[in-house]
Every structure is written in structure tokens, then in C-alpha cells.
Amino acid sequence: MMPRTETPSRGSGDRGASWLWCAGVGLAPGLSAGSASFADYGWGALSGVGTGVGVAFLYRAMSQGAMSVVVPVSDVGAVALPVLVGVTLLGEHLSAPVWVGIAAVLPALWLVSQDTPGAARERRGAMSDGVPSALVASVGIGLQFLAMAWTAKAVCGRLC
């Protein structure tokens, strides 16, 4: 077995990403062609927050648990949030096959997120490591999708 080597830390990646996000928000109005409204910048900023939260917690989840568990949980959760918002708040109607797909995904996610069968007795039935962080990541990515959709509607309303 090879010895584990530590790499030196050069600072917080979160801090650097936060500074870059602030710089982007600050520079965006001066770099635009002048057709974006204040609401467009707000939706864009919200999309950036969702992206930052989603990526940070996805990396955290992958460092805590198995990628084969974490990624499906975060992906399905990211898609579920816009669907829930569309159905509950916007009054969108889904077809029967879509509801069947949603009904199939929920128990599949529950099965994937459970701890391994060979786990110790006290861990049986518990969530796999990384799943809570993956769920937070899915909310961030879902927020990104929602904000991008609203920005696209605002832009397409003027340009399309």
C-alpha cells in the first residue's frame, strides 16, 4: 500500500469563487450591449448563486460518498425542483408518461441512497455518505435552471 501524501493548501476555493462572482456581477452591466434589464441581471445573479452552491456541494458530496450514489441523487433532484415549481406555482400540466417516470424515480433514488447491505448493523437503513450534500447541490442546480429559464423568457420576449 502506498503512503498517502498531503498536498499543501493554497487557500479557500470558496473564497476565490466568491470574489470572481462579485467581480462578474459588478462588471456585467458595463459589458452588456444595453438591452438587459435590472430583472435580467437579478435572474443572472440568482443563477450564479445556484451554480456556486450546486457545484460546491456536489464536490463536497463526491468527497464524502460514492460517485455512483451522489451524482444520480443530485441530478434527479436538480431536475425535480423546476418540475415541482412548474406544477405547483405555474400551473403546468404533465402528461401521464411523465408522472409514471416521476413515480419510478422516487423509489429508485431511495434505494440508491441507502447504505450498502454489508454495512454494520447500526448503519443499516441509513443514508449513504454524501447524500445530504448531494441534496443541497440539487437545490442549487435546480435554482440555476429556474433562474436561467426566467432570464431566457425575458430575453426571448424581446428578441424571439
Protein backbone atom coordinates (compact mmCIF):
# COMPACT_ATOMS: atom_id res chain seq x y z
CA MET A 1 0.00 0.00 0.00
CA MET A 2 1.39 3.37 -0.99
CA PRO A 3 1.71 6.08 1.65
CA ARG A 4 -0.81 8.88 1.39
CA THR A 5 0.74 12.23 0.60
CA GLU A 6 -0.80 15.54 1.52
CA THR A 7 -0.86 18.46 -0.87
CA PRO A 8 -0.36 21.95 0.50
CA SER A 9 -3.44 24.14 0.60
CA ARG A 10 -3.21 27.49 -1.11
CA GLY A 11 -6.39 28.96 0.31
CA SER A 12 -10.08 28.50 0.15
CA GLY A 13 -11.61 27.77 -3.24
CA ASP A 14 -14.90 29.11 -1.93
CA ARG A 15 -13.30 32.48 -1.22
CA GLY A 16 -11.85 32.70 -4.72
CA ALA A 17 -15.12 31.70 -6.35
CA SER A 18 -16.96 34.31 -4.28
CA TRP A 19 -14.60 37.06 -5.40
CA LEU A 20 -14.96 36.03 -9.03
CA TRP A 21 -18.76 36.00 -8.75
CA CYS A 22 -18.76 39.51 -7.22
CA ALA A 23 -16.45 40.77 -9.95
CA GLY A 24 -18.70 39.27 -12.62
CA VAL A 25 -21.82 40.85 -11.15
CA GLY A 26 -20.02 44.17 -10.89
CA LEU A 27 -18.67 44.11 -14.44
CA ALA A 28 -21.69 42.67 -16.25
CA PRO A 29 -23.71 45.90 -16.56
CA GLY A 30 -20.78 47.73 -18.16
CA LEU A 31 -20.06 44.93 -20.62
CA SER A 32 -23.60 44.31 -21.85
CA ALA A 33 -24.98 45.62 -25.12
CA GLY A 34 -27.52 47.71 -23.21
CA SER A 35 -30.56 45.52 -23.83
CA ALA A 36 -30.59 43.77 -20.45
CA SER A 37 -32.93 44.99 -17.74
CA PHE A 38 -32.37 45.07 -14.00
CA ALA A 39 -34.52 41.92 -13.72
CA ASP A 40 -32.26 40.12 -16.22
CA TYR A 41 -29.25 40.88 -14.03
CA GLY A 42 -31.14 39.69 -10.97
CA TRP A 43 -32.06 36.37 -12.61
CA GLY A 44 -28.48 36.03 -13.84
CA ALA A 45 -27.10 36.68 -10.36
CA LEU A 46 -29.54 34.17 -8.85
CA SER A 47 -28.44 31.64 -11.46
CA GLY A 48 -24.84 32.28 -10.43
CA VAL A 49 -25.66 31.73 -6.77
CA GLY A 50 -27.40 28.46 -7.64
CA THR A 51 -24.44 27.38 -9.73
CA GLY A 52 -21.97 28.20 -6.96
CA VAL A 53 -23.96 26.37 -4.29
CA GLY A 54 -24.61 23.44 -6.59
CA VAL A 55 -21.02 22.93 -7.65
CA ALA A 56 -19.57 23.48 -4.17
CA PHE A 57 -21.92 20.96 -2.55
CA LEU A 58 -21.58 18.50 -5.43
CA TYR A 59 -17.80 18.43 -4.96
CA ARG A 60 -18.30 18.14 -1.22
CA ALA A 61 -20.72 15.24 -1.70
CA MET A 62 -18.32 13.45 -4.05
CA SER A 63 -15.56 13.77 -1.45
CA GLN A 64 -17.85 12.24 1.19
CA GLY A 65 -19.56 9.42 -0.66
CA ALA A 66 -19.57 7.22 -3.72
CA MET A 67 -19.94 8.99 -7.04
CA SER A 68 -22.37 6.30 -8.19
CA VAL A 69 -24.74 7.41 -5.42
CA VAL A 70 -24.09 11.14 -5.18
CA VAL A 71 -24.39 12.09 -8.85
CA PRO A 72 -27.77 10.42 -9.54
CA VAL A 73 -29.24 11.94 -6.38
CA SER A 74 -28.03 15.44 -7.26
CA ASP A 75 -29.06 15.15 -10.92
CA VAL A 76 -32.58 13.92 -10.31
CA GLY A 77 -33.08 16.43 -7.53
CA ALA A 78 -31.89 19.24 -9.80
CA VAL A 79 -34.48 18.32 -12.40
CA ALA A 80 -37.22 17.74 -9.81
CA LEU A 81 -37.13 21.29 -8.43
CA PRO A 82 -38.09 23.02 -11.70
CA VAL A 83 -40.77 20.38 -12.30
CA LEU A 84 -42.24 20.98 -8.85
CA VAL A 85 -42.20 24.74 -9.35
CA GLY A 86 -43.83 24.38 -12.77
CA VAL A 87 -46.61 22.15 -11.48
CA THR A 88 -47.31 23.82 -8.12
CA LEU A 89 -46.67 27.51 -8.82
CA LEU A 90 -47.06 27.95 -12.57
CA GLY A 91 -49.97 25.57 -13.15
CA GLU A 92 -48.22 23.48 -15.79
CA HIS A 93 -49.79 20.12 -16.61
CA LEU A 94 -47.71 16.99 -17.08
CA SER A 95 -48.66 14.05 -19.26
CA ALA A 96 -49.32 10.57 -17.86
CA PRO A 97 -45.94 9.14 -19.02
CA VAL A 98 -44.13 11.95 -17.20
CA TRP A 99 -45.99 11.16 -13.96
CA VAL A 100 -45.12 7.47 -14.41
CA GLY A 101 -41.46 8.42 -14.79
CA ILE A 102 -41.58 10.55 -11.65
CA ALA A 103 -43.24 7.71 -9.74
CA ALA A 104 -40.47 5.33 -10.87
CA VAL A 105 -37.63 7.69 -9.98
CA LEU A 106 -38.63 8.31 -6.37
CA PRO A 107 -38.24 4.72 -5.08
CA ALA A 108 -35.14 4.29 -7.23
CA LEU A 109 -33.50 7.28 -5.54
CA TRP A 110 -34.44 5.95 -2.14
CA LEU A 111 -32.88 2.58 -2.97
CA VAL A 112 -29.69 4.14 -4.37
CA SER A 113 -29.24 6.46 -1.41
CA GLN A 114 -29.40 3.72 1.22
CA ASP A 115 -26.22 2.43 2.80
CA THR A 116 -24.68 -0.76 1.45
CA PRO A 117 -26.16 -4.13 2.50
CA GLY A 118 -22.91 -5.24 4.16
CA ALA A 119 -22.78 -2.21 6.43
CA ALA A 120 -22.63 -2.52 10.18
CA ARG A 121 -25.95 -3.16 11.93
CA GLU A 122 -26.19 0.39 13.31
CA ARG A 123 -25.78 1.86 9.77
CA ARG A 124 -28.42 -0.31 8.06
CA GLY A 125 -31.20 1.76 6.59
CA ALA A 126 -29.18 4.96 6.99
CA MET A 127 -28.45 7.31 4.13
CA SER A 128 -25.18 6.79 2.28
CA ASP A 129 -22.41 9.25 2.96
CA GLY A 130 -22.62 12.32 0.76
CA VAL A 131 -26.38 12.16 0.11
CA PRO A 132 -27.28 15.19 2.29
CA SER A 133 -24.69 17.31 0.47
CA ALA A 134 -25.94 15.94 -2.87
CA LEU A 135 -29.46 17.06 -1.98
CA VAL A 136 -28.20 20.60 -1.23
CA ALA A 137 -26.33 20.53 -4.55
CA SER A 138 -29.52 19.53 -6.34
CA VAL A 139 -31.35 22.53 -4.89
CA GLY A 140 -28.56 24.85 -6.06
CA ILE A 141 -28.51 23.39 -9.58
CA GLY A 142 -32.32 23.42 -9.72
CA LEU A 143 -32.27 27.10 -8.72
CA GLN A 144 -29.80 27.72 -11.53
CA PHE A 145 -32.16 26.04 -14.02
CA LEU A 146 -35.13 28.08 -12.81
CA ALA A 147 -33.27 31.39 -12.94
CA MET A 148 -31.89 30.64 -16.40
CA ALA A 149 -35.38 29.81 -17.62
CA TRP A 150 -36.74 33.13 -16.40
CA THR A 151 -33.82 35.02 -17.92
CA ALA A 152 -34.38 33.19 -21.22
CA LYS A 153 -38.11 34.09 -21.13
CA ALA A 154 -37.26 37.73 -20.57
CA VAL A 155 -34.73 37.73 -23.42
CA CYS A 156 -36.92 35.74 -25.81
CA GLY A 157 -39.84 38.06 -25.06
CA ARG A 158 -37.79 40.90 -26.54
CA LEU A 159 -35.73 39.12 -29.20
CA CYS A 160 -37.59 35.99 -30.35
